Each structure stands twice: as structure tokens, then as C-alpha cells.
Amino acid sequence: MRTASEIILFGSRLLLAHNHELFPCQTGLLQAVRRIRRKPRGYWSALIEFAEHPCPESKEAFCRKIDGYTDWTGGRRESSRVLTRFVEDNEWWWWKERPFLAEW
């Protein structure tokens, strides 16, 4: 269940950043996501399905919504930029002297 919530958190933060939107705290995340206009068609239903039934199929459906929405790599073909950001936010947070992503 924690893995599903982390994937939902990271994917939703990507969309919020893409929309130049902030959210006040973890409890405000879903409300902020509902308010943004630019998001993949069917994103909300994929998010709910994955949150309520975390399995490989619902995870893939949710991740495809995010991955296929825009070019997250800034024009590069490889995904190293996105993966590097994920590692920085989730594994190297202590090195940058800031709170863990889930605590922002």
C-alpha cells in the first residue's frame, strides 16, 4: 500500500508542477489535483482505481496516464532526467538537507 501511495504522490506532484500549482500539505494533494485543468483524460478514475485496488494492472494504467501525457524529459528520448529526480527526491533527500518528499 505504501508503494501505491508513493507512486500516486509522485505522479500527482508531476502534474501539479506541470500546471504551476502548489498544494499546502499531503491532505490537500487530492483537492489540488482535482482543481488543475491540464491533466490526462481519465486521470482521476485511474488514481482512484489504483488507490483502492493496488495491483500491477491498476499501477500500469495509472502510470501510463502520467507517462503519456507530456514529454517529461524535456525533449530527450531517455527517461534519465525523470528517474534522476525521483532518486533525488526519494533516496537522497537526506543529502540535500531538506525533508523527505512525503513530509513536504
PDB file of N, CA and C in Angstrom:
ATOM      1  N   MET A   1       0.813  -1.191   0.000  1.00  0.00           N
ATOM      2  CA  MET A   1       0.000   0.000   0.000  1.00  0.00           C
ATOM      3  C   MET A   1       0.863   1.264   0.000  1.00  0.00           C
ATOM      4  N   ARG A   2       1.994   1.220   0.709  1.00  0.00           N
ATOM      5  CA  ARG A   2       2.848   2.404   0.742  1.00  0.00           C
ATOM      6  C   ARG A   2       3.420   2.701  -0.644  1.00  0.00           C
ATOM      7  N   THR A   3       3.774   1.657  -1.362  1.00  0.00           N
ATOM      8  CA  THR A   3       4.299   1.866  -2.706  1.00  0.00           C
ATOM      9  C   THR A   3       3.267   2.560  -3.578  1.00  0.00           C
ATOM     10  N   ALA A   4       2.027   2.127  -3.500  1.00  0.00           N
ATOM     11  CA  ALA A   4       0.960   2.750  -4.289  1.00  0.00           C
ATOM     12  C   ALA A   4       0.813   4.222  -3.917  1.00  0.00           C
ATOM     13  N   SER A   5       0.837   4.528  -2.639  1.00  0.00           N
ATOM     14  CA  SER A   5       0.674   5.927  -2.232  1.00  0.00           C
ATOM     15  C   SER A   5       1.857   6.778  -2.680  1.00  0.00           C
ATOM     16  N   GLU A   6       3.062   6.212  -2.680  1.00  0.00           N
ATOM     17  CA  GLU A   6       4.235   6.956  -3.150  1.00  0.00           C
ATOM     18  C   GLU A   6       4.142   7.224  -4.650  1.00  0.00           C
ATOM     19  N   ILE A   7       3.687   6.240  -5.414  1.00  0.00           N
ATOM     20  CA  ILE A   7       3.530   6.422  -6.860  1.00  0.00           C
ATOM     21  C   ILE A   7       2.471   7.482  -7.140  1.00  0.00           C
ATOM     22  N   ILE A   8       1.369   7.428  -6.426  1.00  0.00           N
ATOM     23  CA  ILE A   8       0.306   8.427  -6.593  1.00  0.00           C
ATOM     24  C   ILE A   8       0.819   9.812  -6.212  1.00  0.00           C
ATOM     25  N   LEU A   9       1.562   9.904  -5.121  1.00  0.00           N
ATOM     26  CA  LEU A   9       2.127  11.180  -4.691  1.00  0.00           C
ATOM     27  C   LEU A   9       3.054  11.746  -5.756  1.00  0.00           C
ATOM     28  N   PHE A  10       3.986  10.927  -6.243  1.00  0.00           N
ATOM     29  CA  PHE A  10       4.964  11.418  -7.209  1.00  0.00           C
ATOM     30  C   PHE A  10       4.289  11.811  -8.518  1.00  0.00           C
ATOM     31  N   GLY A  11       3.368  10.975  -9.006  1.00  0.00           N
ATOM     32  CA  GLY A  11       2.663  11.289 -10.249  1.00  0.00           C
ATOM     33  C   GLY A  11       1.825  12.546 -10.136  1.00  0.00           C
ATOM     34  N   SER A  12       1.159  12.700  -9.017  1.00  0.00           N
ATOM     35  CA  SER A  12       0.324  13.885  -8.814  1.00  0.00           C
ATOM     36  C   SER A  12       1.168  15.141  -8.687  1.00  0.00           C
ATOM     37  N   ARG A  13       2.318  15.025  -8.032  1.00  0.00           N
ATOM     38  CA  ARG A  13       3.220  16.177  -7.928  1.00  0.00           C
ATOM     39  C   ARG A  13       3.753  16.587  -9.296  1.00  0.00           C
ATOM     40  N   LEU A  14       4.003  15.609 -10.168  1.00  0.00           N
ATOM     41  CA  LEU A  14       4.425  15.941 -11.531  1.00  0.00           C
ATOM     42  C   LEU A  14       3.366  16.789 -12.229  1.00  0.00           C
ATOM     43  N   LEU A  15       2.118  16.360 -12.124  1.00  0.00           N
ATOM     44  CA  LEU A  15       1.034  17.104 -12.773  1.00  0.00           C
ATOM     45  C   LEU A  15       0.849  18.485 -12.156  1.00  0.00           C
ATOM     46  N   LEU A  16       0.971  18.576 -10.844  1.00  0.00           N
ATOM     47  CA  LEU A  16       0.846  19.882 -10.193  1.00  0.00           C
ATOM     48  C   LEU A  16       1.976  20.813 -10.629  1.00  0.00           C
ATOM     49  N   ALA A  17       3.187  20.296 -10.710  1.00  0.00           N
ATOM     50  CA  ALA A  17       4.315  21.111 -11.174  1.00  0.00           C
ATOM     51  C   ALA A  17       4.108  21.531 -12.626  1.00  0.00           C
ATOM     52  N   HIS A  18       3.628  20.625 -13.443  1.00  0.00           N
ATOM     53  CA  HIS A  18       3.352  20.929 -14.851  1.00  0.00           C
ATOM     54  C   HIS A  18       2.320  22.049 -14.974  1.00  0.00           C
ATOM     55  N   ASN A  19       1.396  22.123 -14.046  1.00  0.00           N
ATOM     56  CA  ASN A  19       0.358  23.155 -14.029  1.00  0.00           C
ATOM     57  C   ASN A  19       0.749  24.381 -13.202  1.00  0.00           C
ATOM     58  N   HIS A  20       1.981  24.397 -12.692  1.00  0.00           N
ATOM     59  CA  HIS A  20       2.469  25.502 -11.855  1.00  0.00           C
ATOM     60  C   HIS A  20       1.568  25.713 -10.642  1.00  0.00           C
ATOM     61  N   GLU A  21       1.158  24.627 -10.027  1.00  0.00           N
ATOM     62  CA  GLU A  21       0.277  24.668  -8.853  1.00  0.00           C
ATOM     63  C   GLU A  21       1.009  24.131  -7.633  1.00  0.00           C
ATOM     64  N   LEU A  22       0.724  24.717  -6.498  1.00  0.00           N
ATOM     65  CA  LEU A  22       1.251  24.245  -5.223  1.00  0.00           C
ATOM     66  C   LEU A  22       0.116  23.624  -4.429  1.00  0.00           C
ATOM     67  N   PHE A  23       0.479  22.807  -3.457  1.00  0.00           N
ATOM     68  CA  PHE A  23      -0.532  22.300  -2.539  1.00  0.00           C
ATOM     69  C   PHE A  23       0.011  22.449  -1.130  1.00  0.00           C
ATOM     70  N   PRO A  24      -0.852  22.767  -0.176  1.00  0.00           N
ATOM     71  CA  PRO A  24      -0.399  23.142   1.156  1.00  0.00           C
ATOM     72  C   PRO A  24       0.184  22.000   1.983  1.00  0.00           C
ATOM     73  N   CYS A  25      -0.334  20.794   1.830  1.00  0.00           N
ATOM     74  CA  CYS A  25       0.130  19.661   2.625  1.00  0.00           C
ATOM     75  C   CYS A  25      -0.395  18.380   1.985  1.00  0.00           C
ATOM     76  N   GLN A  26       0.041  17.241   2.526  1.00  0.00           N
ATOM     77  CA  GLN A  26      -0.373  15.966   1.952  1.00  0.00           C
ATOM     78  C   GLN A  26      -1.888  15.816   1.914  1.00  0.00           C
ATOM     79  N   THR A  27      -2.563  16.292   2.924  1.00  0.00           N
ATOM     80  CA  THR A  27      -4.018  16.140   2.942  1.00  0.00           C
ATOM     81  C   THR A  27      -4.688  17.001   1.876  1.00  0.00           C
ATOM     82  N   GLY A  28      -4.001  18.013   1.376  1.00  0.00           N
ATOM     83  CA  GLY A  28      -4.553  18.862   0.327  1.00  0.00           C
ATOM     84  C   GLY A  28      -4.190  18.425  -1.079  1.00  0.00           C
ATOM     85  N   LEU A  29      -3.428  17.345  -1.202  1.00  0.00           N
ATOM     86  CA  LEU A  29      -2.966  16.898  -2.516  1.00  0.00           C
ATOM     87  C   LEU A  29      -4.117  16.567  -3.459  1.00  0.00           C
ATOM     88  N   LEU A  30      -5.020  15.727  -3.032  1.00  0.00           N
ATOM     89  CA  LEU A  30      -6.099  15.297  -3.924  1.00  0.00           C
ATOM     90  C   LEU A  30      -7.007  16.454  -4.317  1.00  0.00           C
ATOM     91  N   GLN A  31      -7.248  17.372  -3.394  1.00  0.00           N
ATOM     92  CA  GLN A  31      -8.060  18.546  -3.728  1.00  0.00           C
ATOM     93  C   GLN A  31      -7.354  19.406  -4.774  1.00  0.00           C
ATOM     94  N   ALA A  32      -6.046  19.558  -4.629  1.00  0.00           N
ATOM     95  CA  ALA A  32      -5.281  20.345  -5.597  1.00  0.00           C
ATOM     96  C   ALA A  32      -5.288  19.678  -6.969  1.00  0.00           C
ATOM     97  N   VAL A  33      -5.156  18.363  -6.992  1.00  0.00           N
ATOM     98  CA  VAL A  33      -5.172  17.632  -8.267  1.00  0.00           C
ATOM     99  C   VAL A  33      -6.535  17.767  -8.943  1.00  0.00           C
ATOM    100  N   ARG A  34      -7.579  17.722  -8.184  1.00  0.00           N
ATOM    101  CA  ARG A  34      -8.925  17.868  -8.775  1.00  0.00           C
ATOM    102  C   ARG A  34      -9.117  19.240  -9.414  1.00  0.00           C
ATOM    103  N   ARG A  35      -8.468  20.266  -8.862  1.00  0.00           N
ATOM    104  CA  ARG A  35      -8.649  21.638  -9.359  1.00  0.00           C
ATOM    105  C   ARG A  35      -7.896  21.926 -10.654  1.00  0.00           C
ATOM    106  N   ILE A  36      -6.788  21.239 -10.894  1.00  0.00           N
ATOM    107  CA  ILE A  36      -5.997  21.584 -12.079  1.00  0.00           C
ATOM    108  C   ILE A  36      -6.750  21.234 -13.353  1.00  0.00           C
ATOM    109  N   ARG A  37      -6.556  22.056 -14.358  1.00  0.00           N
ATOM    110  CA  ARG A  37      -7.272  21.865 -15.622  1.00  0.00           C
ATOM    111  C   ARG A  37      -6.509  20.951 -16.577  1.00  0.00           C
ATOM    112  N   ARG A  38      -5.199  21.092 -16.614  1.00  0.00           N
ATOM    113  CA  ARG A  38      -4.402  20.303 -17.554  1.00  0.00           C
ATOM    114  C   ARG A  38      -3.947  19.012 -16.885  1.00  0.00           C
ATOM    115  N   LYS A  39      -4.640  17.944 -17.193  1.00  0.00           N
ATOM    116  CA  LYS A  39      -4.271  16.616 -16.705  1.00  0.00           C
ATOM    117  C   LYS A  39      -4.778  15.593 -17.715  1.00  0.00           C
ATOM    118  N   PRO A  40      -4.239  14.397 -17.679  1.00  0.00           N
ATOM    119  CA  PRO A  40      -4.659  13.383 -18.648  1.00  0.00           C
ATOM    120  C   PRO A  40      -6.137  13.032 -18.494  1.00  0.00           C
ATOM    121  N   ARG A  41      -6.782  12.783 -19.606  1.00  0.00           N
ATOM    122  CA  ARG A  41      -8.186  12.329 -19.580  1.00  0.00           C
ATOM    123  C   ARG A  41      -8.233  10.991 -18.833  1.00  0.00           C
ATOM    124  N   GLY A  42      -9.131  10.888 -17.884  1.00  0.00           N
ATOM    125  CA  GLY A  42      -9.275   9.663 -17.105  1.00  0.00           C
ATOM    126  C   GLY A  42      -8.284   9.515 -15.962  1.00  0.00           C
ATOM    127  N   TYR A  43      -7.512  10.579 -15.695  1.00  0.00           N
ATOM    128  CA  TYR A  43      -6.505  10.502 -14.629  1.00  0.00           C
ATOM    129  C   TYR A  43      -7.143  10.233 -13.271  1.00  0.00           C
ATOM    130  N   TRP A  44      -8.203  10.964 -12.961  1.00  0.00           N
ATOM    131  CA  TRP A  44      -8.818  10.831 -11.643  1.00  0.00           C
ATOM    132  C   TRP A  44      -9.331   9.418 -11.413  1.00  0.00           C
ATOM    133  N   SER A  45     -10.000   8.838 -12.394  1.00  0.00           N
ATOM    134  CA  SER A  45     -10.530   7.481 -12.220  1.00  0.00           C
ATOM    135  C   SER A  45      -9.394   6.464 -12.112  1.00  0.00           C
ATOM    136  N   ALA A  46      -8.293   6.677 -12.845  1.00  0.00           N
ATOM    137  CA  ALA A  46      -7.137   5.777 -12.734  1.00  0.00           C
ATOM    138  C   ALA A  46      -6.494   5.896 -11.352  1.00  0.00           C
ATOM    139  N   LEU A  47      -6.431   7.115 -10.821  1.00  0.00           N
ATOM    140  CA  LEU A  47      -5.879   7.333  -9.484  1.00  0.00           C
ATOM    141  C   LEU A  47      -6.718   6.600  -8.435  1.00  0.00           C
ATOM    142  N   ILE A  48      -8.028   6.767  -8.491  1.00  0.00           N
ATOM    143  CA  ILE A  48      -8.913   6.130  -7.512  1.00  0.00           C
ATOM    144  C   ILE A  48      -8.828   4.609  -7.619  1.00  0.00           C
ATOM    145  N   GLU A  49      -8.830   4.103  -8.831  1.00  0.00           N
ATOM    146  CA  GLU A  49      -8.744   2.649  -9.031  1.00  0.00           C
ATOM    147  C   GLU A  49      -7.449   2.096  -8.446  1.00  0.00           C
ATOM    148  N   PHE A  50      -6.335   2.771  -8.696  1.00  0.00           N
ATOM    149  CA  PHE A  50      -5.046   2.316  -8.179  1.00  0.00           C
ATOM    150  C   PHE A  50      -4.997   2.424  -6.656  1.00  0.00           C
ATOM    151  N   ALA A  51      -5.537   3.498  -6.096  1.00  0.00           N
ATOM    152  CA  ALA A  51      -5.538   3.669  -4.639  1.00  0.00           C
ATOM    153  C   ALA A  51      -6.393   2.611  -3.945  1.00  0.00           C
ATOM    154  N   GLU A  52      -7.530   2.289  -4.533  1.00  0.00           N
ATOM    155  CA  GLU A  52      -8.442   1.328  -3.904  1.00  0.00           C
ATOM    156  C   GLU A  52      -8.082  -0.124  -4.197  1.00  0.00           C
ATOM    157  N   HIS A  53      -7.455  -0.366  -5.342  1.00  0.00           N
ATOM    158  CA  HIS A  53      -7.096  -1.736  -5.745  1.00  0.00           C
ATOM    159  C   HIS A  53      -5.668  -1.746  -6.283  1.00  0.00           C
ATOM    160  N   PRO A  54      -4.672  -1.615  -5.388  1.00  0.00           N
ATOM    161  CA  PRO A  54      -3.287  -1.579  -5.855  1.00  0.00           C
ATOM    162  C   PRO A  54      -2.825  -2.951  -6.354  1.00  0.00           C
ATOM    163  N   CYS A  55      -2.695  -3.067  -7.636  1.00  0.00           N
ATOM    164  CA  CYS A  55      -2.218  -4.297  -8.267  1.00  0.00           C
ATOM    165  C   CYS A  55      -1.411  -3.881  -9.495  1.00  0.00           C
ATOM    166  N   PRO A  56      -0.668  -4.794 -10.096  1.00  0.00           N
ATOM    167  CA  PRO A  56       0.147  -4.415 -11.258  1.00  0.00           C
ATOM    168  C   PRO A  56      -0.660  -3.767 -12.390  1.00  0.00           C
ATOM    169  N   GLU A  57      -1.867  -4.238 -12.619  1.00  0.00           N
ATOM    170  CA  GLU A  57      -2.672  -3.699 -13.719  1.00  0.00           C
ATOM    171  C   GLU A  57      -3.113  -2.255 -13.456  1.00  0.00           C
ATOM    172  N   SER A  58      -3.588  -1.984 -12.240  1.00  0.00           N
ATOM    173  CA  SER A  58      -4.027  -0.614 -11.933  1.00  0.00           C
ATOM    174  C   SER A  58      -2.831   0.334 -11.852  1.00  0.00           C
ATOM    175  N   LYS A  59      -1.684  -0.180 -11.399  1.00  0.00           N
ATOM    176  CA  LYS A  59      -0.464   0.643 -11.373  1.00  0.00           C
ATOM    177  C   LYS A  59      -0.065   1.039 -12.787  1.00  0.00           C
ATOM    178  N   GLU A  60      -0.053   0.064 -13.693  1.00  0.00           N
ATOM    179  CA  GLU A  60       0.325   0.351 -15.076  1.00  0.00           C
ATOM    180  C   GLU A  60      -0.632   1.347 -15.718  1.00  0.00           C
ATOM    181  N   ALA A  61      -1.918   1.188 -15.479  1.00  0.00           N
ATOM    182  CA  ALA A  61      -2.905   2.114 -16.050  1.00  0.00           C
ATOM    183  C   ALA A  61      -2.672   3.533 -15.534  1.00  0.00           C
ATOM    184  N   PHE A  62      -2.412   3.663 -14.232  1.00  0.00           N
ATOM    185  CA  PHE A  62      -2.152   4.972 -13.639  1.00  0.00           C
ATOM    186  C   PHE A  62      -0.870   5.579 -14.207  1.00  0.00           C
ATOM    187  N   CYS A  63       0.194   4.792 -14.237  1.00  0.00           N
ATOM    188  CA  CYS A  63       1.485   5.297 -14.719  1.00  0.00           C
ATOM    189  C   CYS A  63       1.431   5.667 -16.200  1.00  0.00           C
ATOM    190  N   ARG A  64       0.691   4.919 -17.003  1.00  0.00           N
ATOM    191  CA  ARG A  64       0.549   5.250 -18.425  1.00  0.00           C
ATOM    192  C   ARG A  64      -0.143   6.602 -18.610  1.00  0.00           C
ATOM    193  N   LYS A  65      -1.093   6.918 -17.748  1.00  0.00           N
ATOM    194  CA  LYS A  65      -1.772   8.220 -17.831  1.00  0.00           C
ATOM    195  C   LYS A  65      -0.762   9.355 -17.671  1.00  0.00           C
ATOM    196  N   ILE A  66       0.139   9.210 -16.724  1.00  0.00           N
ATOM    197  CA  ILE A  66       1.125  10.252 -16.455  1.00  0.00           C
ATOM    198  C   ILE A  66       2.197  10.263 -17.533  1.00  0.00           C
ATOM    199  N   ASP A  67       2.755   9.098 -17.808  1.00  0.00           N
ATOM    200  CA  ASP A  67       3.866   8.998 -18.746  1.00  0.00           C
ATOM    201  C   ASP A  67       3.474   9.464 -20.144  1.00  0.00           C
ATOM    202  N   GLY A  68       2.279   9.154 -20.578  1.00  0.00           N
ATOM    203  CA  GLY A  68       1.863   9.511 -21.921  1.00  0.00           C
ATOM    204  C   GLY A  68       1.303  10.911 -22.061  1.00  0.00           C
ATOM    205  N   TYR A  69       1.193  11.642 -20.969  1.00  0.00           N
ATOM    206  CA  TYR A  69       0.552  12.957 -21.008  1.00  0.00           C
ATOM    207  C   TYR A  69       1.410  14.017 -21.694  1.00  0.00           C
ATOM    208  N   THR A  70       2.679  14.046 -21.385  1.00  0.00           N
ATOM    209  CA  THR A  70       3.579  15.046 -21.966  1.00  0.00           C
ATOM    210  C   THR A  70       4.986  14.469 -22.025  1.00  0.00           C
ATOM    211  N   ASP A  71       5.879  15.186 -22.643  1.00  0.00           N
ATOM    212  CA  ASP A  71       7.271  14.758 -22.707  1.00  0.00           C
ATOM    213  C   ASP A  71       7.979  15.260 -21.448  1.00  0.00           C
ATOM    214  N   TRP A  72       8.043  14.413 -20.449  1.00  0.00           N
ATOM    215  CA  TRP A  72       8.625  14.796 -19.158  1.00  0.00           C
ATOM    216  C   TRP A  72      10.140  14.941 -19.219  1.00  0.00           C
ATOM    217  N   THR A  73      10.775  14.484 -20.304  1.00  0.00           N
ATOM    218  CA  THR A  73      12.236  14.507 -20.384  1.00  0.00           C
ATOM    219  C   THR A  73      12.770  15.789 -21.004  1.00  0.00           C
ATOM    220  N   GLY A  74      11.902  16.715 -21.365  1.00  0.00           N
ATOM    221  CA  GLY A  74      12.363  17.969 -21.941  1.00  0.00           C
ATOM    222  C   GLY A  74      12.915  17.816 -23.346  1.00  0.00           C
ATOM    223  N   GLY A  75      12.399  16.885 -24.107  1.00  0.00           N
ATOM    224  CA  GLY A  75      12.842  16.683 -25.480  1.00  0.00           C
ATOM    225  C   GLY A  75      13.850  15.567 -25.651  1.00  0.00           C
ATOM    226  N   ARG A  76      14.374  15.063 -24.571  1.00  0.00           N
ATOM    227  CA  ARG A  76      15.317  13.946 -24.661  1.00  0.00           C
ATOM    228  C   ARG A  76      14.545  12.645 -24.773  1.00  0.00           C
ATOM    229  N   ARG A  77      15.122  11.695 -25.434  1.00  0.00           N
ATOM    230  CA  ARG A  77      14.451  10.409 -25.619  1.00  0.00           C
ATOM    231  C   ARG A  77      14.558   9.512 -24.383  1.00  0.00           C
ATOM    232  N   GLU A  78      15.608   9.663 -23.615  1.00  0.00           N
ATOM    233  CA  GLU A  78      15.774   8.800 -22.443  1.00  0.00           C
ATOM    234  C   GLU A  78      15.027   9.376 -21.245  1.00  0.00           C
ATOM    235  N   SER A  79      14.736   8.536 -20.308  1.00  0.00           N
ATOM    236  CA  SER A  79      13.978   8.967 -19.133  1.00  0.00           C
ATOM    237  C   SER A  79      14.881   9.255 -17.938  1.00  0.00           C
ATOM    238  N   SER A  80      16.182   9.391 -18.155  1.00  0.00           N
ATOM    239  CA  SER A  80      17.105   9.549 -17.031  1.00  0.00           C
ATOM    240  C   SER A  80      16.827  10.812 -16.217  1.00  0.00           C
ATOM    241  N   ARG A  81      16.340  11.861 -16.853  1.00  0.00           N
ATOM    242  CA  ARG A  81      16.071  13.100 -16.110  1.00  0.00           C
ATOM    243  C   ARG A  81      14.964  12.899 -15.075  1.00  0.00           C
ATOM    244  N   VAL A  82      13.894  12.234 -15.485  1.00  0.00           N
ATOM    245  CA  VAL A  82      12.790  11.967 -14.561  1.00  0.00           C
ATOM    246  C   VAL A  82      13.233  10.998 -13.478  1.00  0.00           C
ATOM    247  N   LEU A  83      13.943   9.950 -13.861  1.00  0.00           N
ATOM    248  CA  LEU A  83      14.392   8.964 -12.879  1.00  0.00           C
ATOM    249  C   LEU A  83      15.389   9.570 -11.908  1.00  0.00           C
ATOM    250  N   THR A  84      16.256  10.452 -12.389  1.00  0.00           N
ATOM    251  CA  THR A  84      17.206  11.121 -11.504  1.00  0.00           C
ATOM    252  C   THR A  84      16.469  11.964 -10.473  1.00  0.00           C
ATOM    253  N   ARG A  85      15.444  12.680 -10.901  1.00  0.00           N
ATOM    254  CA  ARG A  85      14.663  13.495  -9.962  1.00  0.00           C
ATOM    255  C   ARG A  85      13.985  12.619  -8.914  1.00  0.00           C
ATOM    256  N   PHE A  86      13.477  11.463  -9.347  1.00  0.00           N
ATOM    257  CA  PHE A  86      12.839  10.543  -8.408  1.00  0.00           C
ATOM    258  C   PHE A  86      13.845  10.080  -7.354  1.00  0.00           C
ATOM    259  N   VAL A  87      15.051   9.726  -7.780  1.00  0.00           N
ATOM    260  CA  VAL A  87      16.089   9.282  -6.843  1.00  0.00           C
ATOM    261  C   VAL A  87      16.454  10.416  -5.893  1.00  0.00           C
ATOM    262  N   GLU A  88      16.626  11.627  -6.420  1.00  0.00           N
ATOM    263  CA  GLU A  88      16.955  12.767  -5.559  1.00  0.00           C
ATOM    264  C   GLU A  88      15.869  13.016  -4.520  1.00  0.00           C
ATOM    265  N   ASP A  89      14.621  12.943  -4.934  1.00  0.00           N
ATOM    266  CA  ASP A  89      13.515  13.228  -4.019  1.00  0.00           C
ATOM    267  C   ASP A  89      13.263  12.121  -3.009  1.00  0.00           C
ATOM    268  N   ASN A  90      13.519  10.884  -3.386  1.00  0.00           N
ATOM    269  CA  ASN A  90      13.126   9.760  -2.540  1.00  0.00           C
ATOM    270  C   ASN A  90      14.267   9.017  -1.865  1.00  0.00           C
ATOM    271  N   GLU A  91      15.479   9.134  -2.390  1.00  0.00           N
ATOM    272  CA  GLU A  91      16.584   8.390  -1.800  1.00  0.00           C
ATOM    273  C   GLU A  91      17.713   9.279  -1.299  1.00  0.00           C
ATOM    274  N   TRP A  92      17.899  10.429  -1.892  1.00  0.00           N
ATOM    275  CA  TRP A  92      18.996  11.308  -1.492  1.00  0.00           C
ATOM    276  C   TRP A  92      18.515  12.538  -0.743  1.00  0.00           C
ATOM    277  N   TRP A  93      17.281  12.513  -0.277  1.00  0.00           N
ATOM    278  CA  TRP A  93      16.721  13.680   0.407  1.00  0.00           C
ATOM    279  C   TRP A  93      17.577  14.107   1.590  1.00  0.00           C
ATOM    280  N   TRP A  94      18.166  13.174   2.309  1.00  0.00           N
ATOM    281  CA  TRP A  94      18.968  13.478   3.489  1.00  0.00           C
ATOM    282  C   TRP A  94      20.245  14.218   3.104  1.00  0.00           C
ATOM    283  N   TRP A  95      20.760  13.980   1.907  1.00  0.00           N
ATOM    284  CA  TRP A  95      21.998  14.598   1.447  1.00  0.00           C
ATOM    285  C   TRP A  95      21.792  16.082   1.141  1.00  0.00           C
ATOM    286  N   LYS A  96      20.612  16.453   0.741  1.00  0.00           N
ATOM    287  CA  LYS A  96      20.313  17.831   0.351  1.00  0.00           C
ATOM    288  C   LYS A  96      19.831  18.674   1.529  1.00  0.00           C
ATOM    289  N   GLU A  97      19.818  18.093   2.721  1.00  0.00           N
ATOM    290  CA  GLU A  97      19.419  18.799   3.939  1.00  0.00           C
ATOM    291  C   GLU A  97      18.028  19.420   3.811  1.00  0.00           C
ATOM    292  N   ARG A  98      17.089  18.600   3.430  1.00  0.00           N
ATOM    293  CA  ARG A  98      15.702  19.023   3.348  1.00  0.00           C
ATOM    294  C   ARG A  98      14.828  17.846   3.751  1.00  0.00           C
ATOM    295  N   PRO A  99      13.568  18.083   4.026  1.00  0.00           N
ATOM    296  CA  PRO A  99      12.694  16.985   4.451  1.00  0.00           C
ATOM    297  C   PRO A  99      12.479  15.953   3.349  1.00  0.00           C
ATOM    298  N   PHE A 100      12.165  14.771   3.765  1.00  0.00           N
ATOM    299  CA  PHE A 100      11.792  13.695   2.856  1.00  0.00           C
ATOM    300  C   PHE A 100      10.565  14.133   2.064  1.00  0.00           C
ATOM    301  N   LEU A 101      10.486  13.759   0.794  1.00  0.00           N
ATOM    302  CA  LEU A 101       9.408  14.199  -0.099  1.00  0.00           C
ATOM    303  C   LEU A 101       8.026  13.991   0.506  1.00  0.00           C
ATOM    304  N   ALA A 102       7.802  12.858   1.129  1.00  0.00           N
ATOM    305  CA  ALA A 102       6.485  12.560   1.703  1.00  0.00           C
ATOM    306  C   ALA A 102       6.138  13.486   2.866  1.00  0.00           C
ATOM    307  N   GLU A 103       7.117  14.206   3.406  1.00  0.00           N
ATOM    308  CA  GLU A 103       6.869  15.113   4.522  1.00  0.00           C
ATOM    309  C   GLU A 103       6.755  16.570   4.089  1.00  0.00           C
ATOM    310  N   TRP A 104       6.883  16.865   2.805  1.00  0.00           N
ATOM    311  CA  TRP A 104       6.797  18.253   2.330  1.00  0.00           C
ATOM    312  C   TRP A 104       5.423  18.775   2.515  1.00  0.00           C
TER     313      TRP A 104
END
